[in-house]
Amino acid sequence: MTKSLMIQGTMSNAGKSLLVAGLCRIFVQDGYRVAPFKSQNMALNSFITADGYEMGRAQVVQAEAAKKAPDIRMNPILLKPTSDKGSQVIVNGSPIGNMAAAEYFKYKQQLIPGIMEAYESLSRENDIIVIEGAGSPAEINLKQADIVNMGMAQMVKAPVLIAGDIDRGGVFASLFGTVMLLDESERKYVKGTIINKFRGDPEILRPGLDMLEELIHIPVIGVVPYLSVDIDDEDSLTERFKNRQSPGLIDIAVIRLPRISNFTDFNSLEHIECASVRYAASVGELGSPDLIIIPGSKNTIADLKWMRENGMESSILKHAAQNKPVIGICGGYQMLCDTISDPYGVEQGGEIRGMGLLKAKTVFEHQKTRSRVTGTFADVKGIFKGLTGKTFQGYEIHMGQTCLTEGAGGRGGKSGEPHIIPYLSRLVETDGVMKPDGMYGGNVYGTYVHGIFDSEDVLFEIADALMREKGLKYVKNKTFNLNEYKERQYDLLADALRQALDMKYIYRIIEEGI
């Protein structure tokens, strides 16, 4: 019979996702078939599975740690915030519409049968399911209809470990308060607590740990150090956004949009030696980088207006006018166009002028494009001409379609010759259909493909091109392999958790159940 273990936290960003990933890797190393599960995830970082469904990236990371292919059953509900009060609701990998928070709160109970179907299906194929909660189980205004914290634990009879983030301070109060706000029927599911992100000597904490155990009558099963493993972050609380490092020899600036999505697209750029990858939310932070990247957005029009109002757009236009490179990914690609139209009110309705750096127009549609793709760069010009012919893999998640602006000249030659549309690449989707993607003009490039930088050939060509602009030569690290690097990070995470947690106790509570 399949066993389960649930990791909850005292707050968002307490480290639940990383703990689940590490435990998945430990259980796999110990010979078990294991899968992660999160009934409801709220995040703007998402992924397209091999069969074309959308799920949260946190569960993708956990699946990789478990040595499993990402599967929509691991995350049956994904909420992608479109504003402060509403989200796009994605059920079993497909969007069912946008809902205000109050509307979704009333609706979500209807999703329980689907949640249980996904969980039970995974259970039939695995020995252990490691479940992740969301936020805090002690949100007393939300407990009544909970489907992701104690409500989920009760549905599947899962023992619970609650993690607290000591790096933020107040960890004893937050753990004590969380447990005390649970009902007695809920409290019996909590079998241990974890102090997470500790810097220093754990023995210093011993008096506090003993007092906490006396107060709540639940054991502290480990003190996990602040880990430096390089594993994709779950959401916009990432530490990467707080990085204030000085610009490197290659200075790459990613615009930190208010509704930035899939920022994990740029993690691989950090593997370029001598490069810095910074996230800039203001003109002052932007500075004068070698490359500007405009990322994806869950509300392209609102984020374009934000850039227009705070002067960021003007800085990007000045950067491009100096013939310095700009790359737009997904929503960032749409912003580079002449116009963005929203005839069906997908975001805000109406039409807005784009940045005009690509002679193209984007029209939002009802249907979301969701597909895995492989691609080959076309006859690319400009600073990144060396990308021509290189291949990559990735995925598309977008509501709009982009095409050349009517009357735009393209890359035509003599009068009477057909114009050549400056497509960036050609893609082959999961179903074998081939289509063009992206455009370029001068040193401005746009694409809908997430994960395009994860190809080592692409990564190193970009580095080489930026170094050539400085009159320098980029020396590639020939021993570097991105997949091997990621595997080492999961193993390092598992090693650290084995040392920090009482794994004998964890195996015991998994076996005993509730």
Protein backbone atom coordinates (compact mmCIF):
# COMPACT_ATOMS: atom_id res chain seq x y z
CA MET A 1 0.00 0.00 0.00
CA THR A 2 1.31 3.46 -0.93
CA LYS A 3 2.53 5.60 1.98
CA SER A 4 2.55 9.39 2.18
CA LEU A 5 4.33 12.25 3.89
CA MET A 6 3.29 15.90 3.83
CA ILE A 7 5.49 18.98 4.23
CA GLN A 8 3.73 22.15 5.34
CA GLY A 9 5.20 25.50 6.36
CA THR A 10 4.52 28.34 8.74
CA MET A 11 4.47 30.76 5.79
CA SER A 12 5.20 31.07 2.09
CA ASN A 13 8.88 30.59 1.24
CA ALA A 14 9.57 28.56 4.38
CA GLY A 15 11.37 26.08 2.11
CA LYS A 16 8.64 23.50 1.55
CA SER A 17 9.37 22.98 -2.14
CA LEU A 18 13.07 22.36 -1.58
CA LEU A 19 12.42 19.99 1.34
CA VAL A 20 10.00 17.96 -0.79
CA ALA A 21 12.55 17.79 -3.62
CA GLY A 22 15.30 16.66 -1.26
CA LEU A 23 13.12 14.00 0.35
CA CYS A 24 12.06 12.73 -3.08
CA ARG A 25 15.72 12.28 -4.02
CA ILE A 26 16.49 10.53 -0.69
CA PHE A 27 13.63 8.06 -1.13
CA VAL A 28 14.71 7.31 -4.72
CA GLN A 29 18.28 6.76 -3.56
CA ASP A 30 16.92 4.33 -0.98
CA GLY A 31 15.18 2.29 -3.67
CA TYR A 32 11.59 3.53 -3.46
CA ARG A 33 9.28 4.62 -6.26
CA VAL A 34 8.31 8.15 -5.30
CA ALA A 35 6.30 11.03 -6.72
CA PRO A 36 5.67 14.60 -5.53
CA PHE A 37 2.16 16.02 -5.22
CA LYS A 38 0.69 19.47 -4.62
CA SER A 39 -3.07 19.70 -4.98
CA GLN A 40 -3.09 23.45 -5.60
CA ASN A 41 -0.17 25.64 -6.54
CA MET A 42 -0.22 29.43 -6.98
CA ALA A 43 2.71 30.49 -9.12
CA LEU A 44 3.63 32.28 -12.32
CA ASN A 45 6.40 29.79 -13.07
CA SER A 46 4.86 27.01 -15.10
CA PHE A 47 5.87 24.22 -17.46
CA ILE A 48 4.37 22.26 -20.34
CA THR A 49 4.46 18.48 -20.05
CA ALA A 50 5.24 16.08 -22.89
CA ASP A 51 1.50 15.68 -23.53
CA GLY A 52 0.84 19.43 -23.66
CA TYR A 53 -0.51 20.18 -20.17
CA GLU A 54 0.51 23.04 -17.90
CA MET A 55 1.77 22.54 -14.33
CA GLY A 56 3.77 24.42 -11.70
CA ARG A 57 7.56 24.39 -12.05
CA ALA A 58 8.04 23.48 -8.38
CA GLN A 59 6.53 20.07 -9.04
CA VAL A 60 8.68 19.76 -12.17
CA VAL A 61 11.78 20.25 -10.01
CA GLN A 62 10.47 17.71 -7.50
CA ALA A 63 9.73 15.24 -10.31
CA GLU A 64 13.30 15.62 -11.57
CA ALA A 65 14.55 14.96 -8.04
CA ALA A 66 12.38 11.82 -7.97
CA LYS A 67 13.79 10.82 -11.39
CA LYS A 68 10.32 10.99 -12.91
CA ALA A 69 8.95 12.77 -15.97
CA PRO A 70 6.78 15.77 -14.99
CA ASP A 71 3.15 14.64 -14.85
CA ILE A 72 0.05 16.82 -14.54
CA ARG A 73 -1.26 14.49 -11.83
CA MET A 74 1.47 15.89 -9.56
CA ASN A 75 -0.20 19.34 -9.66
CA PRO A 76 -3.87 19.09 -10.63
CA ILE A 77 -4.68 22.75 -9.87
CA LEU A 78 -2.50 25.72 -10.82
CA LEU A 79 -3.49 29.32 -10.08
CA LYS A 80 -1.66 32.00 -12.08
CA PRO A 81 -2.34 35.46 -10.61
CA THR A 82 -3.46 38.02 -13.19
CA SER A 83 -3.97 40.81 -10.63
CA ASP A 84 -3.94 41.35 -6.87
CA LYS A 85 -7.48 39.94 -6.66
CA GLY A 86 -7.76 37.28 -9.33
CA SER A 87 -6.08 34.38 -11.10
CA GLN A 88 -6.28 32.22 -14.15
CA VAL A 89 -7.46 28.81 -12.95
CA ILE A 90 -5.82 25.80 -14.59
CA VAL A 91 -7.32 22.39 -13.82
CA ASN A 92 -5.61 19.18 -14.93
CA GLY A 93 -3.30 21.21 -17.12
CA SER A 94 -5.93 23.22 -19.02
CA PRO A 95 -7.22 26.74 -18.25
CA ILE A 96 -10.91 26.94 -17.32
CA GLY A 97 -11.02 30.75 -17.02
CA ASN A 98 -10.16 33.66 -14.76
CA MET A 99 -11.70 33.95 -11.30
CA ALA A 100 -11.69 36.55 -8.57
CA ALA A 101 -10.41 35.26 -5.23
CA ALA A 102 -13.88 35.20 -3.65
CA GLU A 103 -15.34 33.35 -6.63
CA TYR A 104 -12.62 30.72 -6.55
CA PHE A 105 -12.99 30.27 -2.79
CA LYS A 106 -16.62 29.25 -3.33
CA TYR A 107 -15.81 27.09 -6.34
CA LYS A 108 -12.77 25.10 -5.22
CA GLN A 109 -14.67 22.45 -3.24
CA GLN A 110 -15.93 21.18 -6.60
CA LEU A 111 -12.33 20.30 -7.47
CA ILE A 112 -11.85 17.76 -4.67
CA PRO A 113 -12.93 14.69 -6.72
CA GLY A 114 -10.36 15.60 -9.40
CA ILE A 115 -7.67 16.11 -6.77
CA MET A 116 -8.34 12.72 -5.26
CA GLU A 117 -8.46 11.04 -8.67
CA ALA A 118 -5.00 12.45 -9.50
CA TYR A 119 -3.60 11.45 -6.09
CA GLU A 120 -5.00 7.93 -6.21
CA SER A 121 -3.75 7.42 -9.75
CA LEU A 122 -0.22 8.40 -8.69
CA SER A 123 -0.53 6.17 -5.64
CA ARG A 124 -1.11 3.10 -7.76
CA GLU A 125 2.29 3.64 -9.41
CA ASN A 126 4.45 4.63 -6.43
CA ASP A 127 5.55 3.50 -2.98
CA ILE A 128 5.68 6.98 -1.40
CA ILE A 129 3.91 10.24 -2.27
CA VAL A 130 5.56 13.36 -0.86
CA ILE A 131 2.93 16.09 -0.60
CA GLU A 132 3.61 19.82 -0.43
CA GLY A 133 1.29 22.26 1.29
CA ALA A 134 0.84 25.92 0.36
CA GLY A 135 1.43 29.02 2.43
CA SER A 136 0.43 28.23 6.01
CA PRO A 137 -2.11 25.76 7.44
CA ALA A 138 -2.98 28.34 10.09
CA GLU A 139 -4.74 30.83 7.81
CA ILE A 140 -7.89 30.74 9.92
CA ASN A 141 -9.94 32.66 7.34
CA LEU A 142 -9.28 29.94 4.74
CA LYS A 143 -9.37 26.74 6.81
CA GLN A 144 -13.05 26.04 6.28
CA ALA A 145 -12.67 25.00 2.65
CA ASP A 146 -9.01 23.96 2.66
CA ILE A 147 -7.89 21.60 -0.09
CA VAL A 148 -4.12 22.05 0.06
CA ASN A 149 -2.92 21.96 3.70
CA MET A 150 -4.64 20.13 6.57
CA GLY A 151 -7.66 19.48 4.39
CA MET A 152 -5.41 17.55 2.02
CA ALA A 153 -3.64 15.73 4.86
CA GLN A 154 -7.00 14.60 6.23
CA MET A 155 -8.25 13.42 2.83
CA VAL A 156 -5.28 11.07 2.34
CA LYS A 157 -4.36 10.42 6.00
CA ALA A 158 -0.84 11.83 5.58
CA PRO A 159 1.51 12.53 8.52
CA VAL A 160 2.66 16.15 8.47
CA LEU A 161 5.97 17.88 9.14
CA ILE A 162 5.82 21.66 9.56
CA ALA A 163 8.83 23.74 8.50
CA GLY A 164 9.70 27.18 9.84
CA ASP A 165 12.14 29.66 8.28
CA ILE A 166 14.59 30.78 10.98
CA ASP A 167 16.43 33.08 8.57
CA ARG A 168 13.49 35.49 8.67
CA GLY A 169 13.41 35.46 12.47
CA GLY A 170 10.65 34.50 14.89
CA VAL A 171 10.75 30.82 14.02
CA PHE A 172 9.75 29.59 17.49
CA ALA A 173 6.78 31.95 17.64
CA SER A 174 5.69 31.00 14.12
CA LEU A 175 5.90 27.26 14.79
CA PHE A 176 4.16 27.57 18.15
CA GLY A 177 1.47 29.85 16.71
CA THR A 178 0.86 27.62 13.73
CA VAL A 179 0.35 24.53 15.88
CA MET A 180 -1.84 26.36 18.40
CA LEU A 181 -4.14 27.67 15.65
CA LEU A 182 -4.81 24.15 14.40
CA ASP A 183 -7.93 22.33 15.54
CA GLU A 184 -7.37 19.27 17.73
CA SER A 185 -8.50 17.08 14.83
CA GLU A 186 -5.81 18.67 12.67
CA ARG A 187 -3.06 18.71 15.30
CA LYS A 188 -2.95 14.94 15.51
CA TYR A 189 -1.61 14.85 11.95
CA VAL A 190 1.47 16.91 12.87
CA LYS A 191 4.28 14.49 13.69
CA GLY A 192 7.23 16.84 13.71
CA THR A 193 8.64 20.30 13.04
CA ILE A 194 11.70 21.39 11.07
CA ILE A 195 13.84 24.47 11.63
CA ASN A 196 14.87 25.52 8.13
CA LYS A 197 17.53 27.88 6.69
CA PHE A 198 19.72 28.05 9.81
CA ARG A 199 23.11 29.78 9.71
CA GLY A 200 25.46 28.80 12.52
CA ASP A 201 25.94 26.08 15.13
CA PRO A 202 22.71 24.08 15.75
CA GLU A 203 23.75 23.46 19.39
CA ILE A 204 23.08 27.14 20.07
CA LEU A 205 19.43 26.39 19.33
CA ARG A 206 19.17 23.42 21.69
CA PRO A 207 17.52 25.25 24.66
CA GLY A 208 14.93 26.75 22.30
CA LEU A 209 14.24 23.41 20.64
CA ASP A 210 13.67 21.75 24.01
CA MET A 211 11.31 24.52 25.12
CA LEU A 212 9.35 24.35 21.85
CA GLU A 213 8.90 20.59 22.21
CA GLU A 214 7.66 21.04 25.79
CA LEU A 215 5.15 23.67 24.68
CA ILE A 216 3.63 21.90 21.67
CA HIS A 217 4.42 18.25 22.54
CA ILE A 218 5.71 17.63 19.02
CA PRO A 219 9.36 16.75 18.32
CA VAL A 220 11.75 18.92 16.34
CA ILE A 221 13.15 16.41 13.85
CA GLY A 222 15.95 18.48 12.41
CA VAL A 223 17.70 21.79 11.87
CA VAL A 224 18.41 22.28 8.17
CA PRO A 225 21.26 24.67 7.33
CA TYR A 226 20.92 27.51 4.85
CA LEU A 227 21.77 25.60 1.69
CA SER A 228 23.61 26.93 -1.34
CA VAL A 229 22.38 24.28 -3.78
CA ASP A 230 21.51 25.64 -7.21
CA ILE A 231 17.96 24.44 -7.77
CA ASP A 232 15.16 26.36 -9.52
CA ASP A 233 13.13 28.60 -7.25
CA GLU A 234 9.37 28.28 -7.02
CA ASP A 235 8.06 31.83 -7.22
CA SER A 236 8.71 35.55 -7.07
CA LEU A 237 10.00 35.35 -3.49
CA THR A 238 13.25 33.99 -4.94
CA GLU A 239 16.53 35.19 -3.49
CA ARG A 240 17.74 35.79 -7.06
CA PHE A 241 15.70 39.00 -7.22
CA LYS A 242 17.55 40.36 -4.20
CA ASN A 243 20.98 39.77 -5.73
CA ARG A 244 22.80 43.09 -5.73
CA GLN A 245 26.06 41.81 -7.20
CA SER A 246 28.21 44.21 -9.18
CA PRO A 247 28.02 43.83 -12.97
CA GLY A 248 30.34 41.13 -14.30
CA LEU A 249 32.54 41.24 -17.38
CA ILE A 250 29.35 40.23 -19.20
CA ASP A 251 26.46 42.16 -17.66
CA ILE A 252 22.99 40.70 -18.32
CA ALA A 253 19.96 42.56 -16.95
CA VAL A 254 16.52 40.94 -16.76
CA ILE A 255 13.63 43.36 -16.32
CA ARG A 256 11.85 42.50 -13.09
CA LEU A 257 8.27 43.00 -14.22
CA PRO A 258 5.59 43.21 -11.50
CA ARG A 259 3.93 40.07 -12.94
CA ILE A 260 7.09 38.34 -14.15
CA SER A 261 6.54 34.71 -15.11
CA ASN A 262 8.91 31.83 -15.79
CA PHE A 263 11.96 33.71 -14.52
CA THR A 264 13.66 30.31 -14.25
CA ASP A 265 14.25 30.72 -18.00
CA PHE A 266 17.35 32.71 -17.08
CA ASN A 267 18.92 30.53 -14.40
CA SER A 268 21.09 28.77 -16.98
CA LEU A 269 22.67 32.11 -17.97
CA GLU A 270 24.29 32.14 -14.54
CA HIS A 271 26.55 29.33 -15.74
CA ILE A 272 28.34 31.68 -18.13
CA GLU A 273 31.74 32.37 -16.61
CA CYS A 274 32.47 36.07 -16.01
CA ALA A 275 28.75 36.91 -16.37
CA SER A 276 26.34 38.50 -13.93
CA VAL A 277 22.58 38.05 -14.22
CA ARG A 278 20.76 40.90 -12.48
CA TYR A 279 17.03 41.60 -12.05
CA ALA A 280 16.26 45.30 -12.47
CA ALA A 281 13.00 46.89 -11.32
CA SER A 282 13.95 50.54 -11.95
CA VAL A 283 15.99 52.67 -14.31
CA GLY A 284 18.58 53.16 -11.58
CA GLU A 285 19.00 49.41 -11.15
CA LEU A 286 19.13 48.81 -14.90
CA GLY A 287 22.36 50.72 -15.50
CA SER A 288 24.10 50.04 -18.83
CA PRO A 289 24.16 46.25 -19.35
CA ASP A 290 25.54 44.34 -22.31
CA LEU A 291 22.24 42.53 -22.82
CA ILE A 292 18.69 43.36 -21.72
CA ILE A 293 16.13 40.58 -21.46
CA ILE A 294 12.40 41.27 -21.15
CA PRO A 295 10.83 38.16 -19.60
CA GLY A 296 7.37 36.67 -19.75
CA SER A 297 4.44 38.26 -17.94
CA LYS A 298 1.02 37.09 -16.78
CA ASN A 299 -0.33 40.53 -17.72
CA THR A 300 1.62 41.82 -20.68
CA ILE A 301 -0.36 45.02 -21.17
CA ALA A 302 -0.23 46.07 -17.51
CA ASP A 303 3.51 45.37 -17.29
CA LEU A 304 4.17 47.29 -20.52
CA LYS A 305 2.32 50.26 -19.02
CA TRP A 306 4.42 49.90 -15.87
CA MET A 307 7.63 50.10 -17.91
CA ARG A 308 6.25 53.08 -19.81
CA GLU A 309 5.35 54.94 -16.63
CA ASN A 310 8.60 54.35 -14.70
CA GLY A 311 10.96 55.17 -17.56
CA MET A 312 12.16 51.60 -18.12
CA GLU A 313 10.79 51.53 -21.68
CA SER A 314 12.74 54.68 -22.59
CA SER A 315 15.94 53.14 -21.25
CA ILE A 316 15.39 49.96 -23.28
CA LEU A 317 14.71 51.99 -26.44
CA LYS A 318 17.91 54.00 -25.85
CA HIS A 319 19.82 50.72 -25.31
CA ALA A 320 18.48 49.33 -28.60
CA ALA A 321 19.24 52.60 -30.44
CA GLN A 322 22.88 52.12 -29.45
CA ASN A 323 22.71 48.77 -31.31
CA LYS A 324 23.03 46.84 -28.06
CA PRO A 325 21.07 43.57 -27.89
CA VAL A 326 17.58 43.11 -26.47
CA ILE A 327 15.84 39.74 -26.16
CA GLY A 328 12.13 39.36 -25.39
CA ILE A 329 10.71 36.04 -24.20
CA CYS A 330 6.97 35.32 -24.55
CA GLY A 331 5.23 38.39 -23.05
CA GLY A 332 8.50 40.28 -23.44
CA TYR A 333 8.46 39.38 -27.15
CA GLN A 334 4.92 40.75 -27.43
CA MET A 335 6.00 44.03 -25.82
CA LEU A 336 8.68 44.51 -28.50
CA CYS A 337 6.01 44.60 -31.24
CA ASP A 338 4.27 47.61 -32.81
CA THR A 339 0.89 46.86 -31.23
CA ILE A 340 -0.79 44.49 -28.77
CA SER A 341 -4.52 43.92 -29.25
CA ASP A 342 -6.89 42.28 -26.77
CA PRO A 343 -10.23 42.03 -28.60
CA TYR A 344 -11.70 39.42 -26.24
CA GLY A 345 -10.67 40.98 -22.93
CA VAL A 346 -8.15 38.24 -22.12
CA GLU A 347 -6.23 40.79 -20.02
CA GLN A 348 -7.70 44.30 -20.13
CA GLY A 349 -9.27 44.65 -23.56
CA GLY A 350 -8.53 47.23 -26.24
CA GLU A 351 -5.26 47.90 -28.02
CA ILE A 352 -1.99 49.39 -26.84
CA ARG A 353 1.07 50.65 -28.64
CA GLY A 354 4.05 48.37 -28.19
CA MET A 355 7.71 49.34 -28.04
CA GLY A 356 8.01 49.23 -31.83
CA LEU A 357 11.37 47.44 -31.90
CA LEU A 358 9.97 44.60 -34.00
CA LYS A 359 7.71 45.29 -36.97
CA ALA A 360 5.06 42.89 -35.77
CA LYS A 361 1.68 42.86 -34.09
CA THR A 362 0.25 40.62 -31.38
CA VAL A 363 -3.41 39.71 -31.01
CA PHE A 364 -4.63 37.90 -27.87
CA GLU A 365 -6.94 34.94 -28.46
CA HIS A 366 -9.30 32.85 -26.35
CA GLN A 367 -7.25 29.68 -26.76
CA LYS A 368 -3.94 29.30 -24.92
CA THR A 369 -1.02 27.81 -26.85
CA ARG A 370 0.54 24.99 -24.80
CA SER A 371 3.12 22.77 -26.44
CA ARG A 372 6.56 21.22 -26.11
CA VAL A 373 8.79 22.16 -29.01
CA THR A 374 12.15 21.50 -30.56
CA GLY A 375 13.60 24.19 -32.79
CA THR A 376 16.37 25.28 -35.11
CA PHE A 377 17.49 28.87 -35.45
CA ALA A 378 16.92 30.30 -38.90
CA ASP A 379 19.28 32.63 -40.80
CA VAL A 380 19.85 34.90 -37.82
CA LYS A 381 21.50 38.30 -38.32
CA GLY A 382 22.98 40.79 -35.91
CA ILE A 383 25.16 40.18 -32.88
CA PHE A 384 23.79 36.67 -32.35
CA LYS A 385 24.23 35.53 -35.98
CA GLY A 386 26.25 32.57 -34.66
CA LEU A 387 22.98 31.01 -33.45
CA THR A 388 22.08 30.17 -37.06
CA GLY A 389 21.49 26.45 -37.40
CA LYS A 390 21.76 25.66 -33.68
CA THR A 391 19.03 23.54 -32.12
CA PHE A 392 17.17 23.84 -28.83
CA GLN A 393 14.23 22.42 -26.86
CA GLY A 394 11.61 24.22 -24.82
CA TYR A 395 7.92 24.92 -24.47
CA GLU A 396 5.31 27.55 -25.31
CA ILE A 397 2.66 28.98 -22.98
CA HIS A 398 0.90 32.07 -24.35
CA MET A 399 -2.51 33.51 -25.20
CA GLY A 400 -1.52 35.64 -28.20
CA GLN A 401 -0.32 35.15 -31.76
CA THR A 402 2.29 37.41 -33.34
CA CYS A 403 2.75 38.15 -37.02
CA LEU A 404 4.52 40.64 -39.24
CA THR A 405 2.87 44.08 -39.31
CA GLU A 406 1.03 44.60 -42.59
CA GLY A 407 3.24 46.51 -44.98
CA ALA A 408 6.44 45.88 -43.04
CA GLY A 409 9.35 45.24 -45.37
CA GLY A 410 11.02 42.24 -43.78
CA ARG A 411 14.47 41.38 -45.14
CA GLY A 412 13.67 41.69 -48.84
CA GLY A 413 16.24 42.56 -51.45
CA LYS A 414 15.77 44.15 -54.88
CA SER A 415 12.42 45.47 -56.06
CA GLY A 416 10.11 42.69 -57.16
CA GLU A 417 11.80 40.01 -55.07
CA PRO A 418 9.71 38.34 -52.34
CA HIS A 419 10.27 39.70 -48.88
CA ILE A 420 11.85 37.31 -46.41
CA ILE A 421 10.11 37.48 -43.04
CA PRO A 422 12.85 37.62 -40.40
CA TYR A 423 11.73 34.65 -38.33
CA LEU A 424 14.09 33.73 -35.52
CA SER A 425 13.59 29.97 -35.70
CA ARG A 426 11.46 27.10 -36.89
CA LEU A 427 9.75 24.92 -34.32
CA VAL A 428 8.49 21.36 -34.38
CA GLU A 429 5.68 20.85 -31.89
CA THR A 430 4.87 17.66 -30.00
CA ASP A 431 2.40 16.59 -32.69
CA GLY A 432 5.01 17.03 -35.44
CA VAL A 433 3.58 20.26 -36.87
CA MET A 434 6.29 22.68 -38.02
CA LYS A 435 5.87 26.43 -37.72
CA PRO A 436 7.97 29.60 -37.55
CA ASP A 437 8.64 31.33 -34.25
CA GLY A 438 9.93 34.68 -33.15
CA MET A 439 11.38 37.56 -35.12
CA TYR A 440 14.43 39.75 -35.13
CA GLY A 441 15.39 43.17 -36.37
CA GLY A 442 18.88 44.57 -35.93
CA ASN A 443 20.03 43.37 -32.53
CA VAL A 444 16.49 42.93 -31.16
CA TYR A 445 15.19 39.36 -30.88
CA GLY A 446 11.87 37.90 -29.76
CA THR A 447 10.67 34.35 -29.18
CA TYR A 448 7.78 32.50 -27.55
CA VAL A 449 10.00 29.61 -26.41
CA HIS A 450 10.64 29.14 -22.70
CA GLY A 451 13.83 27.22 -21.96
CA ILE A 452 15.62 28.42 -25.07
CA PHE A 453 18.74 29.25 -23.01
CA ASP A 454 18.94 25.72 -21.58
CA SER A 455 20.77 24.50 -24.68
CA GLU A 456 24.49 24.64 -23.99
CA ASP A 457 25.22 25.56 -27.62
CA VAL A 458 22.85 28.51 -27.38
CA LEU A 459 24.20 29.54 -24.00
CA PHE A 460 27.81 29.59 -25.07
CA GLU A 461 27.13 31.30 -28.41
CA ILE A 462 25.45 34.18 -26.57
CA ALA A 463 28.43 34.41 -24.22
CA ASP A 464 30.87 34.35 -27.12
CA ALA A 465 28.98 37.06 -29.02
CA LEU A 466 28.86 39.38 -26.00
CA MET A 467 32.56 38.88 -25.35
CA ARG A 468 33.42 39.58 -29.01
CA GLU A 469 31.69 42.94 -28.66
CA LYS A 470 34.27 43.74 -25.99
CA GLY A 471 37.14 42.57 -28.16
CA LEU A 472 37.61 39.50 -26.00
CA LYS A 473 37.40 35.76 -26.61
CA TYR A 474 35.11 33.53 -24.59
CA VAL A 475 36.73 30.28 -23.47
CA LYS A 476 34.08 27.58 -23.07
CA ASN A 477 34.28 25.20 -20.14
CA LYS A 478 34.33 21.96 -22.14
CA THR A 479 33.71 19.81 -19.07
CA PHE A 480 30.43 21.54 -18.15
CA ASN A 481 27.20 19.60 -18.71
CA LEU A 482 23.96 21.24 -17.59
CA ASN A 483 22.07 17.99 -16.92
CA GLU A 484 24.93 16.49 -14.93
CA TYR A 485 25.19 19.73 -12.97
CA LYS A 486 21.50 19.60 -12.05
CA GLU A 487 21.77 15.98 -10.95
CA ARG A 488 24.70 16.86 -8.67
CA GLN A 489 22.63 19.62 -7.09
CA TYR A 490 19.80 17.20 -6.25
CA ASP A 491 22.29 14.77 -4.74
CA LEU A 492 23.91 17.55 -2.69
CA LEU A 493 20.46 18.55 -1.42
CA ALA A 494 19.70 14.95 -0.42
CA ASP A 495 23.06 14.62 1.35
CA ALA A 496 22.42 17.80 3.35
CA LEU A 497 18.94 16.68 4.42
CA ARG A 498 20.18 13.23 5.43
CA GLN A 499 22.63 14.90 7.81
CA ALA A 500 20.12 17.43 9.15
CA LEU A 501 16.94 15.38 9.55
CA ASP A 502 16.12 12.33 11.64
CA MET A 503 15.47 10.03 8.70
CA LYS A 504 14.78 7.00 10.92
CA TYR A 505 11.96 8.93 12.55
CA ILE A 506 10.65 10.08 9.15
CA TYR A 507 10.55 6.52 7.84
CA ARG A 508 8.79 5.45 11.03
CA ILE A 509 5.96 7.98 10.75
CA ILE A 510 5.57 7.17 7.05
CA GLU A 511 5.19 3.49 7.91
CA GLU A 512 2.82 4.11 10.82
CA GLY A 513 0.63 6.59 8.94
CA ILE A 514 -2.36 8.11 10.72
